[in-house]
Amino acid sequence: MWKSVCLSVYDAGPSKLYLDLHRLVRDKSHFVITTNVDGQFKKAGFDLHCMFTPQGDYGKFQCAKPCRNILYDNLEMVQRMLANLDNSKLRVREEDIPRCPHCGGYLERNLRRDDHFVEEPHMEKQHDYADFVNCSTGGKLVLLELGVGFNTPSIIRLPFERITARHPHAALIRINLDDVRVPGEIAAKSIAFQQDIAQVIQALLDRDPGTQS
């Protein structure tokens, strides 16, 4: 588990897709809501103040109980475990296993899996996200939905459909290899691409002269 945290969060750099996505929106007012927990948006340069991550963050640990609604940066803890790892047995030293500074229990990845998930620090951004959407009603709003399926449709997919229906000047762009269907009531306000996300983002960049540099 610890190696997967290190590889997904700290060893891997930003992918071209996320860098291209940042180029596409960096000069436009935007807000990110994502169910990804790998930190790619942060690595690509997106502003953390304009990001809502309700499913967790692999760059954070939480108390496994949990005894507090607190998240802990885990870089140094992960590095210490890997530095002293017994590779022959894939065993971490007992003294390196992260423990909660308050109750002494184990720390674990901050990932929404059950009712032990510490969500409060993430949900603080829910209000900012809602404010961003609400404040856009006097202008235009583009909802760019990237590869969202039906594992957790209540977080992005269904809310985006409701926002599109209610917002006077909203447009939904749905990119999904598996299911790009949209409800009939918002079909006229939606564009669907059943294509690879990276290809669509690149095409949008090519059409936008302000993103060429």
N, C-alpha and C. Protein backbone atom coordinates (compact mmCIF):
# COMPACT_ATOMS: atom_id res chain seq x y z
N MET A 1 0.82 -1.20 0.00
CA MET A 1 0.00 0.00 0.00
C MET A 1 0.85 1.25 0.00
N TRP A 2 1.93 1.26 0.81
CA TRP A 2 2.76 2.47 0.93
C TRP A 2 3.48 2.76 -0.37
N LYS A 3 3.94 1.72 -1.07
CA LYS A 3 4.59 1.95 -2.35
C LYS A 3 3.61 2.53 -3.36
N SER A 4 2.35 2.06 -3.32
CA SER A 4 1.37 2.59 -4.27
C SER A 4 1.08 4.05 -4.00
N VAL A 5 1.07 4.45 -2.71
CA VAL A 5 0.89 5.86 -2.37
C VAL A 5 2.02 6.69 -2.92
N CYS A 6 3.24 6.21 -2.73
CA CYS A 6 4.42 6.95 -3.17
C CYS A 6 4.44 7.07 -4.69
N LEU A 7 4.17 5.98 -5.39
CA LEU A 7 4.22 5.99 -6.84
C LEU A 7 3.14 6.87 -7.45
N SER A 8 1.91 6.79 -6.90
CA SER A 8 0.80 7.53 -7.50
C SER A 8 0.82 9.00 -7.15
N VAL A 9 1.38 9.36 -6.00
CA VAL A 9 1.32 10.75 -5.56
C VAL A 9 2.64 11.46 -5.74
N TYR A 10 3.75 10.83 -5.39
CA TYR A 10 5.02 11.54 -5.32
C TYR A 10 5.99 11.22 -6.46
N ASP A 11 6.03 10.01 -6.93
CA ASP A 11 7.00 9.65 -7.96
C ASP A 11 6.52 10.05 -9.36
N ALA A 12 5.23 9.91 -9.61
CA ALA A 12 4.69 10.21 -10.94
C ALA A 12 4.50 11.72 -11.11
N GLY A 13 4.96 12.24 -12.25
CA GLY A 13 4.75 13.65 -12.55
C GLY A 13 3.37 13.86 -13.16
N PRO A 14 3.06 15.10 -13.49
CA PRO A 14 1.75 15.37 -14.10
C PRO A 14 1.68 14.78 -15.50
N SER A 15 0.56 14.19 -15.84
CA SER A 15 0.40 13.63 -17.17
C SER A 15 0.12 14.74 -18.18
N LYS A 16 0.36 14.45 -19.45
CA LYS A 16 0.12 15.43 -20.50
C LYS A 16 -1.34 15.87 -20.53
N LEU A 17 -2.24 14.94 -20.27
CA LEU A 17 -3.66 15.28 -20.27
C LEU A 17 -3.97 16.39 -19.28
N TYR A 18 -3.46 16.27 -18.05
CA TYR A 18 -3.74 17.27 -17.03
C TYR A 18 -3.05 18.60 -17.35
N LEU A 19 -1.86 18.53 -17.92
CA LEU A 19 -1.17 19.75 -18.32
C LEU A 19 -1.94 20.46 -19.44
N ASP A 20 -2.45 19.68 -20.39
CA ASP A 20 -3.25 20.26 -21.47
C ASP A 20 -4.54 20.85 -20.94
N LEU A 21 -5.15 20.15 -20.00
CA LEU A 21 -6.39 20.65 -19.41
C LEU A 21 -6.15 21.97 -18.69
N HIS A 22 -5.01 22.08 -18.00
CA HIS A 22 -4.68 23.33 -17.33
C HIS A 22 -4.46 24.45 -18.33
N ARG A 23 -3.79 24.16 -19.43
CA ARG A 23 -3.61 25.17 -20.48
C ARG A 23 -4.95 25.64 -21.02
N LEU A 24 -5.90 24.73 -21.12
CA LEU A 24 -7.21 25.05 -21.68
C LEU A 24 -7.98 26.04 -20.81
N VAL A 25 -7.85 25.92 -19.49
CA VAL A 25 -8.71 26.71 -18.60
C VAL A 25 -7.96 27.76 -17.78
N ARG A 26 -6.65 27.79 -17.84
CA ARG A 26 -5.89 28.61 -16.89
C ARG A 26 -6.22 30.10 -16.96
N ASP A 27 -6.60 30.59 -18.14
CA ASP A 27 -6.92 32.01 -18.27
C ASP A 27 -8.42 32.28 -18.20
N LYS A 28 -9.17 31.27 -17.79
CA LYS A 28 -10.61 31.40 -17.66
C LYS A 28 -11.00 31.15 -16.20
N SER A 29 -12.06 31.77 -15.76
CA SER A 29 -12.57 31.49 -14.42
C SER A 29 -13.03 30.04 -14.37
N HIS A 30 -12.51 29.27 -13.41
CA HIS A 30 -12.85 27.85 -13.38
C HIS A 30 -12.80 27.31 -11.95
N PHE A 31 -13.42 26.16 -11.78
CA PHE A 31 -13.41 25.45 -10.50
C PHE A 31 -13.41 23.96 -10.83
N VAL A 32 -12.60 23.20 -10.09
CA VAL A 32 -12.47 21.75 -10.32
C VAL A 32 -13.21 20.98 -9.24
N ILE A 33 -14.04 20.04 -9.66
CA ILE A 33 -14.57 19.02 -8.75
C ILE A 33 -14.12 17.68 -9.31
N THR A 34 -13.47 16.87 -8.49
CA THR A 34 -12.92 15.61 -8.98
C THR A 34 -13.07 14.50 -7.94
N THR A 35 -13.27 13.28 -8.45
CA THR A 35 -13.26 12.11 -7.58
C THR A 35 -11.90 11.43 -7.59
N ASN A 36 -10.96 11.94 -8.37
CA ASN A 36 -9.60 11.39 -8.39
C ASN A 36 -8.86 11.77 -7.11
N VAL A 37 -8.02 10.89 -6.63
CA VAL A 37 -7.32 11.12 -5.37
C VAL A 37 -5.80 11.10 -5.55
N ASP A 38 -5.34 11.16 -6.80
CA ASP A 38 -3.91 10.97 -7.07
C ASP A 38 -3.12 12.27 -7.15
N GLY A 39 -3.75 13.42 -6.96
CA GLY A 39 -3.03 14.69 -6.92
C GLY A 39 -2.60 15.22 -8.26
N GLN A 40 -3.11 14.67 -9.37
CA GLN A 40 -2.68 15.11 -10.69
C GLN A 40 -3.07 16.56 -10.98
N PHE A 41 -4.21 17.01 -10.52
CA PHE A 41 -4.62 18.39 -10.75
C PHE A 41 -3.63 19.36 -10.09
N LYS A 42 -3.23 19.04 -8.87
CA LYS A 42 -2.26 19.88 -8.16
C LYS A 42 -0.94 19.92 -8.90
N LYS A 43 -0.45 18.76 -9.35
CA LYS A 43 0.83 18.70 -10.05
C LYS A 43 0.81 19.50 -11.35
N ALA A 44 -0.35 19.54 -12.00
CA ALA A 44 -0.46 20.23 -13.28
C ALA A 44 -0.58 21.74 -13.13
N GLY A 45 -0.70 22.21 -11.88
CA GLY A 45 -0.71 23.65 -11.66
C GLY A 45 -2.05 24.25 -11.30
N PHE A 46 -3.07 23.42 -11.10
CA PHE A 46 -4.37 23.95 -10.73
C PHE A 46 -4.33 24.52 -9.30
N ASP A 47 -5.09 25.57 -9.09
CA ASP A 47 -5.15 26.25 -7.80
C ASP A 47 -5.93 25.41 -6.80
N LEU A 48 -5.30 25.03 -5.69
CA LEU A 48 -5.97 24.22 -4.68
C LEU A 48 -7.16 24.94 -4.06
N HIS A 49 -7.16 26.28 -4.10
CA HIS A 49 -8.28 27.04 -3.54
C HIS A 49 -9.53 26.92 -4.41
N CYS A 50 -9.35 26.43 -5.62
CA CYS A 50 -10.47 26.28 -6.55
C CYS A 50 -10.65 24.81 -6.91
N MET A 51 -10.58 23.96 -5.90
CA MET A 51 -10.65 22.52 -6.13
C MET A 51 -11.42 21.84 -5.01
N PHE A 52 -12.39 21.01 -5.38
CA PHE A 52 -13.21 20.27 -4.44
C PHE A 52 -12.97 18.79 -4.67
N THR A 53 -12.42 18.10 -3.65
CA THR A 53 -12.03 16.69 -3.77
C THR A 53 -12.77 15.84 -2.74
N PRO A 54 -14.05 15.57 -2.94
CA PRO A 54 -14.85 14.91 -1.90
C PRO A 54 -14.51 13.45 -1.64
N GLN A 55 -13.74 12.81 -2.51
CA GLN A 55 -13.42 11.38 -2.33
C GLN A 55 -12.13 11.13 -1.59
N GLY A 56 -11.35 12.20 -1.29
CA GLY A 56 -10.13 12.00 -0.52
C GLY A 56 -8.89 12.48 -1.24
N ASP A 57 -7.74 12.13 -0.65
CA ASP A 57 -6.45 12.61 -1.16
C ASP A 57 -5.37 11.64 -0.71
N TYR A 58 -4.70 10.98 -1.67
CA TYR A 58 -3.64 10.04 -1.33
C TYR A 58 -2.44 10.73 -0.70
N GLY A 59 -2.35 12.03 -0.82
CA GLY A 59 -1.25 12.77 -0.20
C GLY A 59 -1.49 13.06 1.27
N LYS A 60 -2.60 12.56 1.81
CA LYS A 60 -2.96 12.79 3.21
C LYS A 60 -3.20 11.46 3.92
N PHE A 61 -2.87 11.44 5.20
CA PHE A 61 -3.27 10.35 6.08
C PHE A 61 -4.33 10.86 7.05
N GLN A 62 -5.08 9.91 7.61
CA GLN A 62 -6.06 10.21 8.63
C GLN A 62 -6.00 9.13 9.69
N CYS A 63 -6.50 9.45 10.86
CA CYS A 63 -6.60 8.43 11.90
C CYS A 63 -7.58 7.35 11.44
N ALA A 64 -7.22 6.09 11.61
CA ALA A 64 -8.06 4.99 11.15
C ALA A 64 -9.36 4.88 11.94
N LYS A 65 -9.41 5.43 13.15
CA LYS A 65 -10.63 5.26 13.98
C LYS A 65 -11.85 5.98 13.43
N PRO A 66 -11.86 7.25 13.07
CA PRO A 66 -10.88 8.29 13.36
C PRO A 66 -11.24 9.01 14.67
N CYS A 67 -10.21 9.48 15.36
CA CYS A 67 -10.45 10.18 16.62
C CYS A 67 -10.59 11.69 16.41
N ARG A 68 -10.12 12.20 15.26
CA ARG A 68 -10.20 13.62 14.96
C ARG A 68 -10.51 13.80 13.47
N ASN A 69 -11.16 14.90 13.14
CA ASN A 69 -11.39 15.25 11.74
C ASN A 69 -10.19 16.05 11.22
N ILE A 70 -9.03 15.41 11.25
CA ILE A 70 -7.78 16.06 10.87
C ILE A 70 -7.08 15.21 9.81
N LEU A 71 -6.46 15.89 8.85
CA LEU A 71 -5.66 15.21 7.83
C LEU A 71 -4.20 15.58 8.02
N TYR A 72 -3.31 14.64 7.68
CA TYR A 72 -1.87 14.84 7.89
C TYR A 72 -1.13 14.63 6.56
N ASP A 73 -0.29 15.60 6.18
CA ASP A 73 0.57 15.41 5.01
C ASP A 73 1.44 14.19 5.24
N ASN A 74 1.53 13.31 4.24
CA ASN A 74 2.19 12.03 4.49
C ASN A 74 3.53 11.83 3.77
N LEU A 75 4.04 12.85 3.08
CA LEU A 75 5.27 12.68 2.31
C LEU A 75 6.42 12.14 3.16
N GLU A 76 6.73 12.81 4.27
CA GLU A 76 7.86 12.39 5.10
C GLU A 76 7.63 11.01 5.70
N MET A 77 6.40 10.70 6.08
CA MET A 77 6.10 9.39 6.66
C MET A 77 6.29 8.28 5.63
N VAL A 78 5.81 8.51 4.41
CA VAL A 78 5.97 7.51 3.35
C VAL A 78 7.45 7.33 3.00
N GLN A 79 8.18 8.42 2.90
CA GLN A 79 9.61 8.33 2.58
C GLN A 79 10.36 7.54 3.64
N ARG A 80 10.04 7.76 4.91
CA ARG A 80 10.72 7.05 6.00
C ARG A 80 10.43 5.56 5.93
N MET A 81 9.18 5.19 5.66
CA MET A 81 8.83 3.78 5.57
C MET A 81 9.58 3.10 4.41
N LEU A 82 9.61 3.77 3.26
CA LEU A 82 10.26 3.16 2.11
C LEU A 82 11.77 3.11 2.26
N ALA A 83 12.34 4.09 2.94
CA ALA A 83 13.80 4.11 3.14
C ALA A 83 14.26 2.93 3.98
N ASN A 84 13.42 2.47 4.90
CA ASN A 84 13.79 1.38 5.80
C ASN A 84 13.06 0.08 5.48
N LEU A 85 12.46 0.00 4.31
CA LEU A 85 11.67 -1.17 3.94
C LEU A 85 12.55 -2.40 3.76
N ASP A 86 12.11 -3.52 4.32
CA ASP A 86 12.76 -4.81 4.09
C ASP A 86 12.19 -5.37 2.78
N ASN A 87 12.93 -5.18 1.68
CA ASN A 87 12.41 -5.56 0.36
C ASN A 87 12.23 -7.06 0.20
N SER A 88 13.02 -7.85 0.91
CA SER A 88 12.90 -9.30 0.77
C SER A 88 11.58 -9.81 1.35
N LYS A 89 11.10 -9.11 2.39
CA LYS A 89 9.86 -9.52 3.03
C LYS A 89 8.73 -8.51 2.81
N LEU A 90 9.06 -7.40 2.12
CA LEU A 90 8.09 -6.31 1.91
C LEU A 90 7.46 -5.91 3.24
N ARG A 91 8.34 -5.71 4.23
CA ARG A 91 7.88 -5.41 5.58
C ARG A 91 8.42 -4.06 6.03
N VAL A 92 7.52 -3.25 6.58
CA VAL A 92 7.88 -1.95 7.13
C VAL A 92 8.25 -2.11 8.60
N ARG A 93 9.26 -1.38 9.05
CA ARG A 93 9.62 -1.44 10.46
C ARG A 93 8.46 -0.95 11.32
N GLU A 94 8.27 -1.60 12.45
CA GLU A 94 7.18 -1.24 13.35
C GLU A 94 7.26 0.22 13.76
N GLU A 95 8.47 0.71 14.02
CA GLU A 95 8.62 2.10 14.49
C GLU A 95 8.36 3.12 13.38
N ASP A 96 8.29 2.66 12.13
CA ASP A 96 8.03 3.58 11.02
C ASP A 96 6.55 3.62 10.63
N ILE A 97 5.76 2.72 11.16
CA ILE A 97 4.33 2.71 10.81
C ILE A 97 3.68 3.97 11.36
N PRO A 98 3.01 4.77 10.52
CA PRO A 98 2.45 6.04 10.97
C PRO A 98 1.36 5.84 12.02
N ARG A 99 1.45 6.65 13.06
CA ARG A 99 0.45 6.59 14.13
C ARG A 99 -0.13 7.97 14.40
N CYS A 100 -1.36 7.97 14.83
CA CYS A 100 -2.07 9.20 15.13
C CYS A 100 -1.40 9.90 16.31
N PRO A 101 -1.07 11.19 16.19
CA PRO A 101 -0.43 11.90 17.30
C PRO A 101 -1.36 12.16 18.47
N HIS A 102 -2.65 11.90 18.30
CA HIS A 102 -3.61 12.17 19.38
C HIS A 102 -4.00 10.92 20.17
N CYS A 103 -4.30 9.82 19.45
CA CYS A 103 -4.76 8.62 20.15
C CYS A 103 -3.76 7.46 20.08
N GLY A 104 -2.75 7.57 19.22
CA GLY A 104 -1.75 6.51 19.09
C GLY A 104 -2.16 5.39 18.15
N GLY A 105 -3.37 5.47 17.60
CA GLY A 105 -3.82 4.45 16.65
C GLY A 105 -3.13 4.61 15.31
N TYR A 106 -3.38 3.68 14.41
CA TYR A 106 -2.74 3.72 13.10
C TYR A 106 -3.33 4.84 12.24
N LEU A 107 -2.48 5.37 11.37
CA LEU A 107 -2.94 6.27 10.33
C LEU A 107 -3.14 5.46 9.05
N GLU A 108 -4.07 5.91 8.21
CA GLU A 108 -4.33 5.24 6.95
C GLU A 108 -4.58 6.28 5.85
N ARG A 109 -4.65 5.81 4.61
CA ARG A 109 -4.91 6.71 3.49
C ARG A 109 -6.26 7.40 3.66
N ASN A 110 -6.30 8.64 3.25
CA ASN A 110 -7.55 9.39 3.28
C ASN A 110 -8.32 9.10 1.99
N LEU A 111 -9.16 8.09 2.05
CA LEU A 111 -9.91 7.63 0.88
C LEU A 111 -11.31 7.23 1.32
N ARG A 112 -12.31 7.72 0.61
CA ARG A 112 -13.69 7.40 0.98
C ARG A 112 -13.98 5.93 0.67
N ARG A 113 -14.01 5.13 1.71
CA ARG A 113 -14.32 3.71 1.56
C ARG A 113 -15.46 3.27 2.45
N ASP A 114 -15.55 3.88 3.64
CA ASP A 114 -16.59 3.50 4.59
C ASP A 114 -16.88 4.70 5.49
N ASP A 115 -17.60 4.45 6.59
CA ASP A 115 -18.00 5.57 7.45
C ASP A 115 -16.87 6.07 8.35
N HIS A 116 -15.65 5.54 8.17
CA HIS A 116 -14.49 6.05 8.90
C HIS A 116 -13.79 7.18 8.14
N PHE A 117 -14.23 7.45 6.94
CA PHE A 117 -13.58 8.47 6.10
C PHE A 117 -13.68 9.85 6.74
N VAL A 118 -12.54 10.55 6.81
CA VAL A 118 -12.52 11.93 7.31
C VAL A 118 -12.78 12.85 6.13
N GLU A 119 -13.99 13.38 6.06
CA GLU A 119 -14.38 14.19 4.91
C GLU A 119 -14.48 15.68 5.20
N GLU A 120 -14.54 16.04 6.47
CA GLU A 120 -14.81 17.44 6.82
C GLU A 120 -13.84 18.43 6.17
N PRO A 121 -12.51 18.18 6.19
CA PRO A 121 -11.61 19.15 5.55
C PRO A 121 -11.88 19.33 4.06
N HIS A 122 -12.32 18.26 3.39
CA HIS A 122 -12.65 18.36 1.97
C HIS A 122 -13.95 19.10 1.75
N MET A 123 -14.94 18.84 2.60
CA MET A 123 -16.27 19.41 2.39
C MET A 123 -16.31 20.91 2.60
N GLU A 124 -15.26 21.45 3.21
CA GLU A 124 -15.19 22.91 3.34
C GLU A 124 -15.20 23.58 1.97
N LYS A 125 -14.68 22.89 0.96
CA LYS A 125 -14.63 23.44 -0.39
C LYS A 125 -15.96 23.31 -1.13
N GLN A 126 -16.87 22.54 -0.58
CA GLN A 126 -18.16 22.37 -1.23
C GLN A 126 -18.90 23.71 -1.34
N HIS A 127 -18.76 24.55 -0.32
CA HIS A 127 -19.42 25.84 -0.33
C HIS A 127 -18.83 26.74 -1.42
N ASP A 128 -17.50 26.71 -1.57
CA ASP A 128 -16.87 27.52 -2.61
C ASP A 128 -17.29 27.06 -4.00
N TYR A 129 -17.39 25.75 -4.18
CA TYR A 129 -17.83 25.19 -5.45
C TYR A 129 -19.26 25.63 -5.76
N ALA A 130 -20.15 25.54 -4.76
CA ALA A 130 -21.54 25.95 -4.95
C ALA A 130 -21.63 27.44 -5.25
N ASP A 131 -20.83 28.23 -4.56
CA ASP A 131 -20.82 29.68 -4.80
C ASP A 131 -20.38 29.99 -6.23
N PHE A 132 -19.36 29.25 -6.70
CA PHE A 132 -18.88 29.48 -8.06
C PHE A 132 -20.00 29.23 -9.07
N VAL A 133 -20.72 28.14 -8.90
CA VAL A 133 -21.82 27.81 -9.82
C VAL A 133 -22.93 28.85 -9.71
N ASN A 134 -23.32 29.19 -8.48
CA ASN A 134 -24.42 30.13 -8.28
C ASN A 134 -24.10 31.52 -8.82
N CYS A 135 -22.85 31.93 -8.67
CA CYS A 135 -22.46 33.27 -9.12
C CYS A 135 -22.32 33.35 -10.64
N SER A 136 -22.41 32.22 -11.33
CA SER A 136 -22.24 32.22 -12.78
C SER A 136 -23.56 32.41 -13.52
N THR A 137 -24.68 32.47 -12.79
CA THR A 137 -25.98 32.48 -13.46
C THR A 137 -26.21 33.73 -14.31
N GLY A 138 -25.45 34.79 -14.04
CA GLY A 138 -25.57 36.00 -14.85
C GLY A 138 -24.78 35.93 -16.14
N GLY A 139 -23.99 34.88 -16.31
CA GLY A 139 -23.17 34.72 -17.51
C GLY A 139 -23.27 33.32 -18.06
N LYS A 140 -22.21 32.89 -18.74
CA LYS A 140 -22.20 31.56 -19.33
C LYS A 140 -21.42 30.60 -18.44
N LEU A 141 -21.81 29.33 -18.48
CA LEU A 141 -21.14 28.29 -17.69
C LEU A 141 -20.96 27.05 -18.55
N VAL A 142 -19.72 26.58 -18.64
CA VAL A 142 -19.44 25.33 -19.34
C VAL A 142 -19.09 24.28 -18.30
N LEU A 143 -19.79 23.16 -18.34
CA LEU A 143 -19.54 22.04 -17.44
C LEU A 143 -18.79 20.98 -18.25
N LEU A 144 -17.50 20.87 -18.02
CA LEU A 144 -16.64 19.94 -18.76
C LEU A 144 -16.50 18.67 -17.94
N GLU A 145 -17.18 17.62 -18.38
CA GLU A 145 -17.23 16.36 -17.63
C GLU A 145 -16.35 15.33 -18.32
N LEU A 146 -15.36 14.84 -17.60
CA LEU A 146 -14.33 13.99 -18.20
C LEU A 146 -14.38 12.57 -17.65
N GLY A 147 -14.91 11.66 -18.44
CA GLY A 147 -14.85 10.24 -18.10
C GLY A 147 -15.62 9.83 -16.87
N VAL A 148 -16.69 10.51 -16.55
CA VAL A 148 -17.45 10.20 -15.35
C VAL A 148 -18.50 9.13 -15.67
N GLY A 149 -18.42 8.01 -14.97
CA GLY A 149 -19.37 6.93 -15.20
C GLY A 149 -20.42 6.85 -14.12
N PHE A 150 -20.75 5.61 -13.74
CA PHE A 150 -21.85 5.39 -12.80
C PHE A 150 -21.40 4.74 -11.50
N ASN A 151 -20.08 4.79 -11.19
CA ASN A 151 -19.63 4.31 -9.89
C ASN A 151 -20.12 5.23 -8.78
N THR A 152 -19.95 6.53 -9.00
CA THR A 152 -20.43 7.53 -8.04
C THR A 152 -21.11 8.66 -8.82
N PRO A 153 -22.22 8.37 -9.49
CA PRO A 153 -22.86 9.39 -10.34
C PRO A 153 -23.42 10.58 -9.58
N SER A 154 -23.65 10.41 -8.27
CA SER A 154 -24.27 11.49 -7.49
C SER A 154 -23.30 12.62 -7.18
N ILE A 155 -22.01 12.43 -7.47
CA ILE A 155 -21.02 13.47 -7.16
C ILE A 155 -20.83 14.45 -8.31
N ILE A 156 -20.75 13.95 -9.54
CA ILE A 156 -20.50 14.84 -10.68
C ILE A 156 -21.55 14.67 -11.77
N ARG A 157 -21.76 13.48 -12.26
CA ARG A 157 -22.59 13.26 -13.45
C ARG A 157 -24.02 13.78 -13.28
N LEU A 158 -24.72 13.34 -12.27
CA LEU A 158 -26.12 13.77 -12.07
C LEU A 158 -26.23 15.24 -11.68
N PRO A 159 -25.36 15.74 -10.77
CA PRO A 159 -25.41 17.18 -10.48
C PRO A 159 -25.14 18.05 -11.71
N PHE A 160 -24.22 17.64 -12.58
CA PHE A 160 -23.95 18.42 -13.79
C PHE A 160 -25.20 18.47 -14.68
N GLU A 161 -25.93 17.37 -14.75
CA GLU A 161 -27.16 17.36 -15.54
C GLU A 161 -28.20 18.31 -14.93
N ARG A 162 -28.31 18.32 -13.61
CA ARG A 162 -29.28 19.21 -12.96
C ARG A 162 -28.88 20.67 -13.14
N ILE A 163 -27.59 20.96 -13.00
CA ILE A 163 -27.12 22.34 -13.19
C ILE A 163 -27.39 22.80 -14.61
N THR A 164 -27.13 21.94 -15.58
CA THR A 164 -27.37 22.29 -16.98
C THR A 164 -28.84 22.60 -17.22
N ALA A 165 -29.72 21.83 -16.60
CA ALA A 165 -31.16 22.04 -16.78
C ALA A 165 -31.63 23.35 -16.16
N ARG A 166 -31.06 23.72 -15.03
CA ARG A 166 -31.56 24.87 -14.29
C ARG A 166 -30.85 26.17 -14.64
N HIS A 167 -29.60 26.09 -15.05
CA HIS A 167 -28.82 27.29 -15.34
C HIS A 167 -29.26 27.89 -16.67
N PRO A 168 -29.52 29.18 -16.72
CA PRO A 168 -30.05 29.78 -17.96
C PRO A 168 -29.09 29.73 -19.14
N HIS A 169 -27.78 29.71 -18.87
CA HIS A 169 -26.82 29.76 -19.98
C HIS A 169 -25.70 28.73 -19.78
N ALA A 170 -26.06 27.53 -19.38
CA ALA A 170 -25.08 26.47 -19.16
C ALA A 170 -25.01 25.53 -20.35
N ALA A 171 -23.82 24.98 -20.58
CA ALA A 171 -23.62 23.95 -21.60
C ALA A 171 -22.82 22.82 -20.98
N LEU A 172 -23.26 21.61 -21.22
CA LEU A 172 -22.58 20.42 -20.72
C LEU A 172 -21.78 19.78 -21.85
N ILE A 173 -20.48 19.60 -21.62
CA ILE A 173 -19.63 18.85 -22.54
C ILE A 173 -19.29 17.54 -21.85
N ARG A 174 -19.82 16.45 -22.36
CA ARG A 174 -19.61 15.13 -21.75
C ARG A 174 -18.68 14.31 -22.65
N ILE A 175 -17.54 13.92 -22.08
CA ILE A 175 -16.57 13.10 -22.81
C ILE A 175 -16.47 11.76 -22.09
N ASN A 176 -16.82 10.69 -22.80
CA ASN A 176 -16.88 9.38 -22.15
C ASN A 176 -16.85 8.29 -23.22
N LEU A 177 -15.95 7.35 -23.07
CA LEU A 177 -15.86 6.27 -24.03
C LEU A 177 -17.02 5.29 -23.93
N ASP A 178 -17.64 5.21 -22.76
CA ASP A 178 -18.65 4.19 -22.52
C ASP A 178 -20.08 4.67 -22.66
N ASP A 179 -20.41 5.81 -22.07
CA ASP A 179 -21.81 6.24 -22.05
C ASP A 179 -21.88 7.76 -22.09
N VAL A 180 -22.26 8.30 -23.23
CA VAL A 180 -22.34 9.75 -23.38
C VAL A 180 -23.79 10.24 -23.44
N ARG A 181 -24.74 9.36 -23.12
CA ARG A 181 -26.14 9.77 -23.17
C ARG A 181 -26.42 10.90 -22.20
N VAL A 182 -27.31 11.79 -22.60
CA VAL A 182 -27.78 12.87 -21.73
C VAL A 182 -29.30 12.86 -21.75
N PRO A 183 -29.94 13.34 -20.68
CA PRO A 183 -31.41 13.41 -20.68
C PRO A 183 -31.92 14.30 -21.81
N GLY A 184 -33.09 13.95 -22.33
CA GLY A 184 -33.64 14.69 -23.44
C GLY A 184 -33.85 16.17 -23.15
N GLU A 185 -34.15 16.49 -21.90
CA GLU A 185 -34.45 17.88 -21.56
C GLU A 185 -33.23 18.79 -21.69
N ILE A 186 -32.02 18.22 -21.68
CA ILE A 186 -30.83 19.06 -21.81
C ILE A 186 -30.04 18.74 -23.07
N ALA A 187 -30.62 17.97 -23.96
CA ALA A 187 -29.91 17.56 -25.18
C ALA A 187 -29.47 18.76 -26.00
N ALA A 188 -30.31 19.79 -26.06
CA ALA A 188 -29.98 20.97 -26.86
C ALA A 188 -28.88 21.81 -26.22
N LYS A 189 -28.60 21.57 -24.94
CA LYS A 189 -27.57 22.33 -24.22
C LYS A 189 -26.33 21.47 -23.96
N SER A 190 -26.24 20.35 -24.64
CA SER A 190 -25.16 19.40 -24.37
C SER A 190 -24.41 19.02 -25.64
N ILE A 191 -23.13 18.72 -25.47
CA ILE A 191 -22.29 18.19 -26.54
C ILE A 191 -21.63 16.92 -26.00
N ALA A 192 -21.73 15.84 -26.74
CA ALA A 192 -21.20 14.56 -26.27
C ALA A 192 -20.10 14.08 -27.20
N PHE A 193 -19.00 13.61 -26.60
CA PHE A 193 -17.88 13.04 -27.35
C PHE A 193 -17.62 11.63 -26.82
N GLN A 194 -17.87 10.64 -27.63
CA GLN A 194 -17.54 9.26 -27.25
C GLN A 194 -16.15 8.95 -27.80
N GLN A 195 -15.17 9.66 -27.25
CA GLN A 195 -13.80 9.58 -27.72
C GLN A 195 -12.84 9.61 -26.53
N ASP A 196 -11.56 9.40 -26.84
CA ASP A 196 -10.53 9.50 -25.82
C ASP A 196 -10.44 10.94 -25.31
N ILE A 197 -10.37 11.11 -24.01
CA ILE A 197 -10.38 12.45 -23.42
C ILE A 197 -9.21 13.28 -23.92
N ALA A 198 -8.03 12.70 -23.98
CA ALA A 198 -6.83 13.44 -24.38
C ALA A 198 -6.98 13.99 -25.80
N GLN A 199 -7.60 13.23 -26.69
CA GLN A 199 -7.78 13.68 -28.06
C GLN A 199 -8.74 14.87 -28.13
N VAL A 200 -9.80 14.81 -27.35
CA VAL A 200 -10.78 15.91 -27.37
C VAL A 200 -10.17 17.17 -26.79
N ILE A 201 -9.45 17.04 -25.67
CA ILE A 201 -8.83 18.22 -25.06
C ILE A 201 -7.81 18.84 -26.02
N GLN A 202 -7.05 18.00 -26.70
CA GLN A 202 -6.08 18.52 -27.67
C GLN A 202 -6.79 19.26 -28.80
N ALA A 203 -7.91 18.72 -29.26
CA ALA A 203 -8.67 19.39 -30.33
C ALA A 203 -9.20 20.74 -29.85
N LEU A 204 -9.66 20.81 -28.61
CA LEU A 204 -10.14 22.08 -28.05
C LEU A 204 -9.00 23.08 -27.95
N LEU A 205 -7.83 22.62 -27.56
CA LEU A 205 -6.66 23.50 -27.51
C LEU A 205 -6.31 24.04 -28.90
N ASP A 206 -6.37 23.18 -29.89
CA ASP A 206 -6.03 23.59 -31.25
C ASP A 206 -7.00 24.64 -31.78
N ARG A 207 -8.24 24.62 -31.28
CA ARG A 207 -9.26 25.57 -31.74
C ARG A 207 -9.21 26.90 -30.97
N ASP A 208 -8.49 26.93 -29.85
CA ASP A 208 -8.46 28.12 -29.00
C ASP A 208 -7.12 28.82 -29.19
N PRO A 209 -7.08 29.95 -29.89
CA PRO A 209 -5.79 30.63 -30.15
C PRO A 209 -5.11 31.14 -28.89
N GLY A 210 -5.88 31.32 -27.83
CA GLY A 210 -5.30 31.84 -26.59
C GLY A 210 -4.51 30.83 -25.81
N THR A 211 -4.50 29.57 -26.24
CA THR A 211 -3.80 28.50 -25.50
C THR A 211 -2.58 27.98 -26.24
N GLN A 212 -2.18 28.62 -27.30
CA GLN A 212 -1.11 28.09 -28.14
C GLN A 212 0.27 28.22 -27.51
N SER A 213 0.48 29.18 -26.61
CA SER A 213 1.80 29.36 -26.04
C SER A 213 2.03 28.43 -24.88
